[in-house]
Amino acid sequence: MDAFPKLLIIGHTNIDENIVTNHPPVVLPGGAGYFVAVAASRIIKPIGFVTRIGNDFDATFLKSRVLPEGIHTIADKNTSRSIQTYHSETDRANRNMQLLPGVSYDLCPKDIPKKWLTHTKHIHIATMPPAQQKSFIVFLKKYAPHITLSMDTYESLLTNQSNITMIEKLTSMVDIVFVNRFEYTILQSVLSSHPCVIHKTDKNGAEYLSRGTCIATAKAPIVNAIDSTGAGDIFAGTFLACRLSGQSIEKSLEEAVHVASTSILQEGIAHLF
């Protein structure tokens, strides 16, 4: 194992509470950053992960997959919590989500171990509020301009013009942008000229776009979704790790689609291992 991570993930870690009507809740670790980092660790090691958790979070599995020095445990605060209520056993798209902010949302650039900025080849900024993404991207462009940057977006943050405008500016500052179908539609005016966009086309799979031209595609298998939480993040982590391990764009897309599709067959992510 190398002493330093080639791939560094910056993002939130949550405690996910999934509630299906007439069933007891299932409590699992989650969060966009968590899913990206743990999924990437299937392909390459070590994975660097910068996140904050409270003392209510069991980090055993997480620390077994990634370098723990970027995982900051805050003893007197709770981890952010995501409560997802599903109204149907068979329709997991029909849900209400409530986010209870905790220590995860205090994540900031000073949490990055300085030595990682010298040795890391790629940094991925997972889904988080655009103002927080901006703080990391501006910092990294200044202090680590040699590192390749990627970012993910989240459709619920594209509901007002101020967020859209900020995210449009951020996409122009990074090398790779991950979006789903809805996000691509909203941001298409700027993404159509971007050199590298990974477009997740839901049940159809994914495509790699360069300045609006499709370079490669991967089809998704037909599956019965049990828990789709984090599938897009798992896709991103797998794709980036595959590319850093030397796989082609086509193979990386295919593996990312396969793993993301597999992830939704059970609750959580541990079954992938």
C-alpha atoms as a PDB file:
ATOM      1  CA  MET A   1       0.000   0.000   0.000  1.00  0.00           C
ATOM      2  CA  ASP A   2       1.294   3.471  -0.929  1.00  0.00           C
ATOM      3  CA  ALA A   3       1.951   5.890   1.896  1.00  0.00           C
ATOM      4  CA  PHE A   4      -0.258   8.582   0.369  1.00  0.00           C
ATOM      5  CA  PRO A   5      -3.599   8.390  -1.428  1.00  0.00           C
ATOM      6  CA  LYS A   6      -3.786   8.988  -5.187  1.00  0.00           C
ATOM      7  CA  LEU A   7      -7.472   9.799  -4.802  1.00  0.00           C
ATOM      8  CA  LEU A   8      -8.828  12.125  -2.148  1.00  0.00           C
ATOM      9  CA  ILE A   9     -12.554  12.510  -1.452  1.00  0.00           C
ATOM     10  CA  ILE A  10     -13.963  15.523   0.367  1.00  0.00           C
ATOM     11  CA  GLY A  11     -17.521  15.178   1.602  1.00  0.00           C
ATOM     12  CA  HIS A  12     -20.095  14.561   4.286  1.00  0.00           C
ATOM     13  CA  THR A  13     -20.748  11.474   6.351  1.00  0.00           C
ATOM     14  CA  ASN A  14     -24.294  10.930   7.630  1.00  0.00           C
ATOM     15  CA  ILE A  15     -26.290   8.478   9.652  1.00  0.00           C
ATOM     16  CA  ASP A  16     -29.072   7.350   7.302  1.00  0.00           C
ATOM     17  CA  GLU A  17     -32.362   6.245   8.804  1.00  0.00           C
ATOM     18  CA  ASN A  18     -34.557   4.523   6.226  1.00  0.00           C
ATOM     19  CA  ILE A  19     -38.177   4.075   7.242  1.00  0.00           C
ATOM     20  CA  VAL A  20     -40.587   1.995   5.177  1.00  0.00           C
ATOM     21  CA  THR A  21     -44.249   2.172   6.141  1.00  0.00           C
ATOM     22  CA  ASN A  22     -45.165  -0.632   8.579  1.00  0.00           C
ATOM     23  CA  HIS A  23     -41.526  -1.735   8.922  1.00  0.00           C
ATOM     24  CA  PRO A  24     -38.909  -0.974  11.599  1.00  0.00           C
ATOM     25  CA  PRO A  25     -36.342   1.653  10.528  1.00  0.00           C
ATOM     26  CA  VAL A  26     -32.998   0.571   9.089  1.00  0.00           C
ATOM     27  CA  VAL A  27     -30.116   2.712  10.389  1.00  0.00           C
ATOM     28  CA  LEU A  28     -26.957   2.705   8.253  1.00  0.00           C
ATOM     29  CA  PRO A  29     -23.908   4.891   7.622  1.00  0.00           C
ATOM     30  CA  GLY A  30     -24.252   7.140   4.596  1.00  0.00           C
ATOM     31  CA  GLY A  31     -23.562  10.570   3.164  1.00  0.00           C
ATOM     32  CA  ALA A  32     -22.303  11.543  -0.293  1.00  0.00           C
ATOM     33  CA  GLY A  33     -18.638  11.635   0.687  1.00  0.00           C
ATOM     34  CA  TYR A  34     -18.923   8.324   2.543  1.00  0.00           C
ATOM     35  CA  PHE A  35     -20.409   6.532  -0.460  1.00  0.00           C
ATOM     36  CA  VAL A  36     -17.829   7.914  -2.909  1.00  0.00           C
ATOM     37  CA  ALA A  37     -14.836   7.085  -0.689  1.00  0.00           C
ATOM     38  CA  VAL A  38     -15.910   3.597   0.321  1.00  0.00           C
ATOM     39  CA  ALA A  39     -16.888   2.658  -3.244  1.00  0.00           C
ATOM     40  CA  ALA A  40     -13.530   3.883  -4.577  1.00  0.00           C
ATOM     41  CA  SER A  41     -11.739   1.733  -2.002  1.00  0.00           C
ATOM     42  CA  ARG A  42     -12.979  -1.374  -3.833  1.00  0.00           C
ATOM     43  CA  ILE A  43     -10.632  -0.481  -6.707  1.00  0.00           C
ATOM     44  CA  ILE A  44      -7.566   1.246  -5.251  1.00  0.00           C
ATOM     45  CA  LYS A  45      -5.978   1.775  -1.844  1.00  0.00           C
ATOM     46  CA  PRO A  46      -5.379   3.859   0.050  1.00  0.00           C
ATOM     47  CA  ILE A  47      -8.243   6.288  -0.426  1.00  0.00           C
ATOM     48  CA  GLY A  48      -7.998   9.632   1.318  1.00  0.00           C
ATOM     49  CA  PHE A  49     -11.255  10.891   2.800  1.00  0.00           C
ATOM     50  CA  VAL A  50     -11.772  14.229   4.511  1.00  0.00           C
ATOM     51  CA  THR A  51     -14.928  14.304   6.595  1.00  0.00           C
ATOM     52  CA  ARG A  52     -16.249  15.070  10.071  1.00  0.00           C
ATOM     53  CA  ILE A  53     -18.219  12.724  12.280  1.00  0.00           C
ATOM     54  CA  GLY A  54     -19.608  12.912  15.795  1.00  0.00           C
ATOM     55  CA  ASN A  55     -19.034  10.423  18.562  1.00  0.00           C
ATOM     56  CA  ASP A  56     -22.402   8.831  17.697  1.00  0.00           C
ATOM     57  CA  PHE A  57     -20.952   7.364  14.475  1.00  0.00           C
ATOM     58  CA  ASP A  58     -19.348   3.914  14.381  1.00  0.00           C
ATOM     59  CA  ALA A  59     -16.419   4.467  12.017  1.00  0.00           C
ATOM     60  CA  THR A  60     -15.043   0.915  12.173  1.00  0.00           C
ATOM     61  CA  PHE A  61     -16.031  -0.092   8.644  1.00  0.00           C
ATOM     62  CA  LEU A  62     -15.178   3.327   7.219  1.00  0.00           C
ATOM     63  CA  LYS A  63     -11.692   3.393   8.726  1.00  0.00           C
ATOM     64  CA  SER A  64     -11.017  -0.126   7.472  1.00  0.00           C
ATOM     65  CA  ARG A  65     -11.507   1.126   3.915  1.00  0.00           C
ATOM     66  CA  VAL A  66      -9.767   4.527   3.921  1.00  0.00           C
ATOM     67  CA  LEU A  67      -6.947   6.452   5.605  1.00  0.00           C
ATOM     68  CA  PRO A  68      -8.308   7.549   8.992  1.00  0.00           C
ATOM     69  CA  GLU A  69      -6.185  10.685   9.454  1.00  0.00           C
ATOM     70  CA  GLY A  70      -8.634  12.718   7.382  1.00  0.00           C
ATOM     71  CA  ILE A  71     -11.626  11.519   9.393  1.00  0.00           C
ATOM     72  CA  HIS A  72     -12.149  14.074  12.137  1.00  0.00           C
ATOM     73  CA  THR A  73     -14.140  12.849  15.125  1.00  0.00           C
ATOM     74  CA  ILE A  74     -15.773  15.604  17.148  1.00  0.00           C
ATOM     75  CA  ALA A  75     -16.566  14.154  20.559  1.00  0.00           C
ATOM     76  CA  ASP A  76     -19.169  16.654  21.715  1.00  0.00           C
ATOM     77  CA  LYS A  77     -21.276  16.852  18.546  1.00  0.00           C
ATOM     78  CA  ASN A  78     -23.569  14.540  16.611  1.00  0.00           C
ATOM     79  CA  THR A  79     -23.141  13.397  13.022  1.00  0.00           C
ATOM     80  CA  SER A  80     -25.579  14.746  10.448  1.00  0.00           C
ATOM     81  CA  ARG A  81     -28.659  12.556  10.087  1.00  0.00           C
ATOM     82  CA  SER A  82     -30.725  11.775   7.008  1.00  0.00           C
ATOM     83  CA  ILE A  83     -34.250  10.471   7.664  1.00  0.00           C
ATOM     84  CA  GLN A  84     -35.879   8.972   4.584  1.00  0.00           C
ATOM     85  CA  THR A  85     -39.486   7.835   4.791  1.00  0.00           C
ATOM     86  CA  TYR A  86     -40.675   5.513   2.022  1.00  0.00           C
ATOM     87  CA  HIS A  87     -44.415   5.266   1.516  1.00  0.00           C
ATOM     88  CA  SER A  88     -44.345   2.027  -0.432  1.00  0.00           C
ATOM     89  CA  GLU A  89     -42.418  -1.219  -0.088  1.00  0.00           C
ATOM     90  CA  THR A  90     -42.202  -1.538  -3.871  1.00  0.00           C
ATOM     91  CA  ASP A  91     -41.720   2.093  -4.915  1.00  0.00           C
ATOM     92  CA  ARG A  92     -38.510   3.429  -3.402  1.00  0.00           C
ATOM     93  CA  ALA A  93     -38.682   6.579  -5.525  1.00  0.00           C
ATOM     94  CA  ASN A  94     -41.672   7.708  -3.468  1.00  0.00           C
ATOM     95  CA  ARG A  95     -40.102   9.141  -0.325  1.00  0.00           C
ATOM     96  CA  ASN A  96     -39.786  12.153   1.915  1.00  0.00           C
ATOM     97  CA  MET A  97     -36.347  13.189   3.119  1.00  0.00           C
ATOM     98  CA  GLN A  98     -35.408  15.210   6.168  1.00  0.00           C
ATOM     99  CA  LEU A  99     -31.838  16.329   6.832  1.00  0.00           C
ATOM    100  CA  LEU A 100     -30.745  17.100  10.375  1.00  0.00           C
ATOM    101  CA  PRO A 101     -27.438  19.015  10.094  1.00  0.00           C
ATOM    102  CA  GLY A 102     -24.640  18.041  12.418  1.00  0.00           C
ATOM    103  CA  VAL A 103     -20.876  18.236  12.560  1.00  0.00           C
ATOM    104  CA  SER A 104     -20.501  17.089   8.938  1.00  0.00           C
ATOM    105  CA  TYR A 105     -21.626  20.478   7.711  1.00  0.00           C
ATOM    106  CA  ASP A 106     -18.744  22.202   9.530  1.00  0.00           C
ATOM    107  CA  LEU A 107     -16.257  20.595   7.118  1.00  0.00           C
ATOM    108  CA  CYS A 108     -13.746  23.141   5.785  1.00  0.00           C
ATOM    109  CA  PRO A 109     -10.446  23.282   3.801  1.00  0.00           C
ATOM    110  CA  LYS A 110      -8.276  23.332   6.936  1.00  0.00           C
ATOM    111  CA  ASP A 111      -9.403  19.741   7.587  1.00  0.00           C
ATOM    112  CA  ILE A 112      -7.322  18.473   4.643  1.00  0.00           C
ATOM    113  CA  PRO A 113      -3.986  16.977   5.786  1.00  0.00           C
ATOM    114  CA  LYS A 114      -1.377  19.249   4.196  1.00  0.00           C
ATOM    115  CA  LYS A 115       0.885  16.419   3.053  1.00  0.00           C
ATOM    116  CA  TRP A 116      -1.958  14.973   0.996  1.00  0.00           C
ATOM    117  CA  LEU A 117      -1.949  18.111  -1.158  1.00  0.00           C
ATOM    118  CA  THR A 118       1.589  17.282  -2.276  1.00  0.00           C
ATOM    119  CA  HIS A 119       1.049  13.642  -3.213  1.00  0.00           C
ATOM    120  CA  THR A 120      -2.605  13.316  -4.240  1.00  0.00           C
ATOM    121  CA  LYS A 121      -3.312  13.135  -7.991  1.00  0.00           C
ATOM    122  CA  HIS A 122      -7.068  13.656  -7.966  1.00  0.00           C
ATOM    123  CA  ILE A 123      -9.512  15.303  -5.550  1.00  0.00           C
ATOM    124  CA  HIS A 124     -13.258  14.832  -5.768  1.00  0.00           C
ATOM    125  CA  ILE A 125     -15.649  17.300  -4.122  1.00  0.00           C
ATOM    126  CA  ALA A 126     -18.773  15.327  -3.290  1.00  0.00           C
ATOM    127  CA  THR A 127     -22.279  16.756  -3.150  1.00  0.00           C
ATOM    128  CA  MET A 128     -22.640  19.505  -0.566  1.00  0.00           C
ATOM    129  CA  PRO A 129     -24.051  23.048  -0.461  1.00  0.00           C
ATOM    130  CA  PRO A 130     -22.485  25.065  -3.319  1.00  0.00           C
ATOM    131  CA  ALA A 131     -20.998  27.676  -0.975  1.00  0.00           C
ATOM    132  CA  GLN A 132     -19.131  24.881   0.811  1.00  0.00           C
ATOM    133  CA  GLN A 133     -17.987  23.361  -2.484  1.00  0.00           C
ATOM    134  CA  LYS A 134     -16.748  26.804  -3.510  1.00  0.00           C
ATOM    135  CA  SER A 135     -14.599  27.132  -0.375  1.00  0.00           C
ATOM    136  CA  PHE A 136     -12.774  23.892  -1.223  1.00  0.00           C
ATOM    137  CA  ILE A 137     -12.426  24.536  -4.954  1.00  0.00           C
ATOM    138  CA  VAL A 138     -11.058  28.064  -4.482  1.00  0.00           C
ATOM    139  CA  PHE A 139      -8.625  26.783  -1.831  1.00  0.00           C
ATOM    140  CA  LEU A 140      -7.414  23.886  -3.981  1.00  0.00           C
ATOM    141  CA  LYS A 141      -7.010  25.994  -7.126  1.00  0.00           C
ATOM    142  CA  LYS A 142      -4.730  28.269  -5.115  1.00  0.00           C
ATOM    143  CA  TYR A 143      -2.708  25.804  -3.036  1.00  0.00           C
ATOM    144  CA  ALA A 144      -2.784  22.639  -5.172  1.00  0.00           C
ATOM    145  CA  PRO A 145      -3.220  23.731  -8.803  1.00  0.00           C
ATOM    146  CA  HIS A 146      -1.462  20.585 -10.059  1.00  0.00           C
ATOM    147  CA  ILE A 147      -4.237  18.291  -8.769  1.00  0.00           C
ATOM    148  CA  THR A 148      -7.071  17.198 -11.059  1.00  0.00           C
ATOM    149  CA  LEU A 149     -10.432  18.248  -9.598  1.00  0.00           C
ATOM    150  CA  SER A 150     -13.906  16.808 -10.013  1.00  0.00           C
ATOM    151  CA  MET A 151     -17.244  17.687  -8.444  1.00  0.00           C
ATOM    152  CA  ASP A 152     -20.746  16.300  -8.150  1.00  0.00           C
ATOM    153  CA  THR A 153     -24.000  18.251  -8.087  1.00  0.00           C
ATOM    154  CA  TYR A 154     -27.356  17.582  -6.465  1.00  0.00           C
ATOM    155  CA  GLU A 155     -30.687  18.369  -8.040  1.00  0.00           C
ATOM    156  CA  SER A 156     -32.342  19.624  -4.844  1.00  0.00           C
ATOM    157  CA  LEU A 157     -29.737  22.423  -4.734  1.00  0.00           C
ATOM    158  CA  LEU A 158     -30.686  23.600  -8.237  1.00  0.00           C
ATOM    159  CA  THR A 159     -34.000  25.056  -7.160  1.00  0.00           C
ATOM    160  CA  ASN A 160     -33.070  28.739  -7.055  1.00  0.00           C
ATOM    161  CA  GLN A 161     -31.147  30.967  -9.426  1.00  0.00           C
ATOM    162  CA  SER A 162     -28.425  31.969  -6.975  1.00  0.00           C
ATOM    163  CA  ASN A 163     -27.420  28.342  -6.458  1.00  0.00           C
ATOM    164  CA  ILE A 164     -27.584  27.641 -10.180  1.00  0.00           C
ATOM    165  CA  THR A 165     -25.361  30.619 -10.951  1.00  0.00           C
ATOM    166  CA  MET A 166     -22.789  29.590  -8.342  1.00  0.00           C
ATOM    167  CA  ILE A 167     -22.738  25.963  -9.492  1.00  0.00           C
ATOM    168  CA  GLU A 168     -22.311  27.070 -13.114  1.00  0.00           C
ATOM    169  CA  LYS A 169     -19.200  29.025 -12.092  1.00  0.00           C
ATOM    170  CA  LEU A 170     -17.843  26.108 -10.060  1.00  0.00           C
ATOM    171  CA  THR A 171     -18.174  23.663 -12.960  1.00  0.00           C
ATOM    172  CA  SER A 172     -15.917  25.907 -15.034  1.00  0.00           C
ATOM    173  CA  MET A 173     -13.213  25.628 -12.349  1.00  0.00           C
ATOM    174  CA  VAL A 174     -12.994  21.822 -12.215  1.00  0.00           C
ATOM    175  CA  ASP A 175     -11.794  19.197 -14.684  1.00  0.00           C
ATOM    176  CA  ILE A 176     -14.648  16.694 -14.391  1.00  0.00           C
ATOM    177  CA  VAL A 177     -18.324  17.241 -13.552  1.00  0.00           C
ATOM    178  CA  PHE A 178     -20.776  14.489 -12.535  1.00  0.00           C
ATOM    179  CA  VAL A 179     -24.475  15.164 -13.178  1.00  0.00           C
ATOM    180  CA  ASN A 180     -27.711  13.241 -13.515  1.00  0.00           C
ATOM    181  CA  ARG A 181     -30.303  13.805 -16.225  1.00  0.00           C
ATOM    182  CA  PHE A 182     -32.164  16.583 -14.383  1.00  0.00           C
ATOM    183  CA  GLU A 183     -28.970  18.405 -13.382  1.00  0.00           C
ATOM    184  CA  TYR A 184     -27.607  18.233 -16.919  1.00  0.00           C
ATOM    185  CA  THR A 185     -30.797  19.811 -18.254  1.00  0.00           C
ATOM    186  CA  ILE A 186     -30.502  22.739 -15.836  1.00  0.00           C
ATOM    187  CA  LEU A 187     -26.746  23.252 -16.435  1.00  0.00           C
ATOM    188  CA  GLN A 188     -26.600  22.335 -20.124  1.00  0.00           C
ATOM    189  CA  SER A 189     -25.740  25.854 -21.293  1.00  0.00           C
ATOM    190  CA  VAL A 190     -22.373  25.668 -19.515  1.00  0.00           C
ATOM    191  CA  LEU A 191     -21.782  21.923 -19.596  1.00  0.00           C
ATOM    192  CA  SER A 192     -22.157  21.704 -23.369  1.00  0.00           C
ATOM    193  CA  SER A 193     -18.726  23.336 -23.679  1.00  0.00           C
ATOM    194  CA  HIS A 194     -17.086  21.536 -20.745  1.00  0.00           C
ATOM    195  CA  PRO A 195     -14.232  19.136 -21.642  1.00  0.00           C
ATOM    196  CA  CYS A 196     -15.401  16.303 -19.363  1.00  0.00           C
ATOM    197  CA  VAL A 197     -18.947  15.667 -18.156  1.00  0.00           C
ATOM    198  CA  ILE A 198     -20.063  12.327 -16.747  1.00  0.00           C
ATOM    199  CA  HIS A 199     -23.801  12.200 -17.407  1.00  0.00           C
ATOM    200  CA  LYS A 200     -25.711   9.643 -15.331  1.00  0.00           C
ATOM    201  CA  THR A 201     -28.791   8.806 -17.386  1.00  0.00           C
ATOM    202  CA  ASP A 202     -30.683   6.974 -14.660  1.00  0.00           C
ATOM    203  CA  LYS A 203     -31.942   3.552 -15.787  1.00  0.00           C
ATOM    204  CA  ASN A 204     -30.246   3.994 -19.166  1.00  0.00           C
ATOM    205  CA  GLY A 205     -26.741   3.968 -17.660  1.00  0.00           C
ATOM    206  CA  ALA A 206     -24.218   6.748 -18.226  1.00  0.00           C
ATOM    207  CA  GLU A 207     -22.301   8.612 -20.891  1.00  0.00           C
ATOM    208  CA  TYR A 208     -19.009  10.499 -21.086  1.00  0.00           C
ATOM    209  CA  LEU A 209     -19.374  13.851 -22.825  1.00  0.00           C
ATOM    210  CA  SER A 210     -16.639  16.181 -24.054  1.00  0.00           C
ATOM    211  CA  ARG A 211     -17.801  19.620 -25.209  1.00  0.00           C
ATOM    212  CA  GLY A 212     -21.236  18.210 -25.923  1.00  0.00           C
ATOM    213  CA  THR A 213     -19.976  15.201 -27.891  1.00  0.00           C
ATOM    214  CA  CYS A 214     -20.590  11.700 -26.561  1.00  0.00           C
ATOM    215  CA  ILE A 215     -17.273   9.837 -26.259  1.00  0.00           C
ATOM    216  CA  ALA A 216     -18.460   6.646 -24.553  1.00  0.00           C
ATOM    217  CA  THR A 217     -21.606   5.083 -23.094  1.00  0.00           C
ATOM    218  CA  ALA A 218     -22.497   2.250 -20.728  1.00  0.00           C
ATOM    219  CA  LYS A 219     -25.926   0.651 -20.412  1.00  0.00           C
ATOM    220  CA  ALA A 220     -27.473  -0.206 -17.064  1.00  0.00           C
ATOM    221  CA  PRO A 221     -28.974  -3.619 -16.310  1.00  0.00           C
ATOM    222  CA  ILE A 222     -32.635  -3.947 -15.352  1.00  0.00           C
ATOM    223  CA  VAL A 223     -32.767  -4.396 -11.574  1.00  0.00           C
ATOM    224  CA  ASN A 224     -35.298  -4.318  -8.753  1.00  0.00           C
ATOM    225  CA  ALA A 225     -34.261  -1.355  -6.620  1.00  0.00           C
ATOM    226  CA  ILE A 226     -34.378  -1.854  -2.850  1.00  0.00           C
ATOM    227  CA  ASP A 227     -32.344   1.181  -1.721  1.00  0.00           C
ATOM    228  CA  SER A 228     -31.119   3.666  -4.321  1.00  0.00           C
ATOM    229  CA  THR A 229     -29.571   6.015  -1.744  1.00  0.00           C
ATOM    230  CA  GLY A 230     -26.016   6.913  -2.727  1.00  0.00           C
ATOM    231  CA  ALA A 231     -26.026   5.119  -6.090  1.00  0.00           C
ATOM    232  CA  GLY A 232     -24.774   8.213  -7.930  1.00  0.00           C
ATOM    233  CA  ASP A 233     -21.980   8.693  -5.412  1.00  0.00           C
ATOM    234  CA  ILE A 234     -21.007   5.029  -5.653  1.00  0.00           C
ATOM    235  CA  PHE A 235     -20.889   5.478  -9.419  1.00  0.00           C
ATOM    236  CA  ALA A 236     -18.542   8.478  -9.101  1.00  0.00           C
ATOM    237  CA  GLY A 237     -16.179   6.762  -6.676  1.00  0.00           C
ATOM    238  CA  THR A 238     -15.960   3.656  -8.834  1.00  0.00           C
ATOM    239  CA  PHE A 239     -15.401   5.584 -12.055  1.00  0.00           C
ATOM    240  CA  LEU A 240     -12.632   7.769 -10.630  1.00  0.00           C
ATOM    241  CA  ALA A 241     -10.840   4.854  -8.985  1.00  0.00           C
ATOM    242  CA  CYS A 242     -11.005   2.815 -12.192  1.00  0.00           C
ATOM    243  CA  ARG A 243      -9.516   5.668 -14.189  1.00  0.00           C
ATOM    244  CA  LEU A 244      -6.713   6.160 -11.654  1.00  0.00           C
ATOM    245  CA  SER A 245      -5.985   2.436 -11.787  1.00  0.00           C
ATOM    246  CA  GLY A 246      -5.353   2.746 -15.528  1.00  0.00           C
ATOM    247  CA  GLN A 247      -8.637   1.512 -16.980  1.00  0.00           C
ATOM    248  CA  SER A 248     -10.057   3.071 -20.146  1.00  0.00           C
ATOM    249  CA  ILE A 249     -12.981   5.486 -20.128  1.00  0.00           C
ATOM    250  CA  GLU A 250     -15.227   2.774 -21.575  1.00  0.00           C
ATOM    251  CA  LYS A 251     -14.269   0.145 -18.996  1.00  0.00           C
ATOM    252  CA  SER A 252     -14.480   2.669 -16.161  1.00  0.00           C
ATOM    253  CA  LEU A 253     -18.000   3.672 -17.208  1.00  0.00           C
ATOM    254  CA  GLU A 254     -19.088   0.032 -17.482  1.00  0.00           C
ATOM    255  CA  GLU A 255     -17.718  -0.851 -14.037  1.00  0.00           C
ATOM    256  CA  ALA A 256     -19.222   2.263 -12.437  1.00  0.00           C
ATOM    257  CA  VAL A 257     -22.665   1.511 -13.866  1.00  0.00           C
ATOM    258  CA  HIS A 258     -22.389  -2.134 -12.801  1.00  0.00           C
ATOM    259  CA  VAL A 259     -21.396  -1.352  -9.201  1.00  0.00           C
ATOM    260  CA  ALA A 260     -23.983   1.426  -8.824  1.00  0.00           C
ATOM    261  CA  SER A 261     -26.688  -0.907 -10.148  1.00  0.00           C
ATOM    262  CA  THR A 262     -25.570  -3.642  -7.756  1.00  0.00           C
ATOM    263  CA  SER A 263     -25.565  -1.238  -4.823  1.00  0.00           C
ATOM    264  CA  ILE A 264     -29.312  -0.626  -4.997  1.00  0.00           C
ATOM    265  CA  LEU A 265     -30.201  -4.312  -4.611  1.00  0.00           C
ATOM    266  CA  GLN A 266     -29.806  -4.185  -0.816  1.00  0.00           C
ATOM    267  CA  GLU A 267     -29.841  -1.632   1.990  1.00  0.00           C
ATOM    268  CA  GLY A 268     -26.580   0.247   2.522  1.00  0.00           C
ATOM    269  CA  ILE A 269     -23.221  -0.408   0.879  1.00  0.00           C
ATOM    270  CA  ALA A 270     -21.462  -3.081   2.956  1.00  0.00           C
ATOM    271  CA  HIS A 271     -22.835  -5.890   0.769  1.00  0.00           C
ATOM    272  CA  LEU A 272     -20.635  -4.682  -2.116  1.00  0.00           C
ATOM    273  CA  PHE A 273     -17.633  -6.069  -0.242  1.00  0.00           C
END
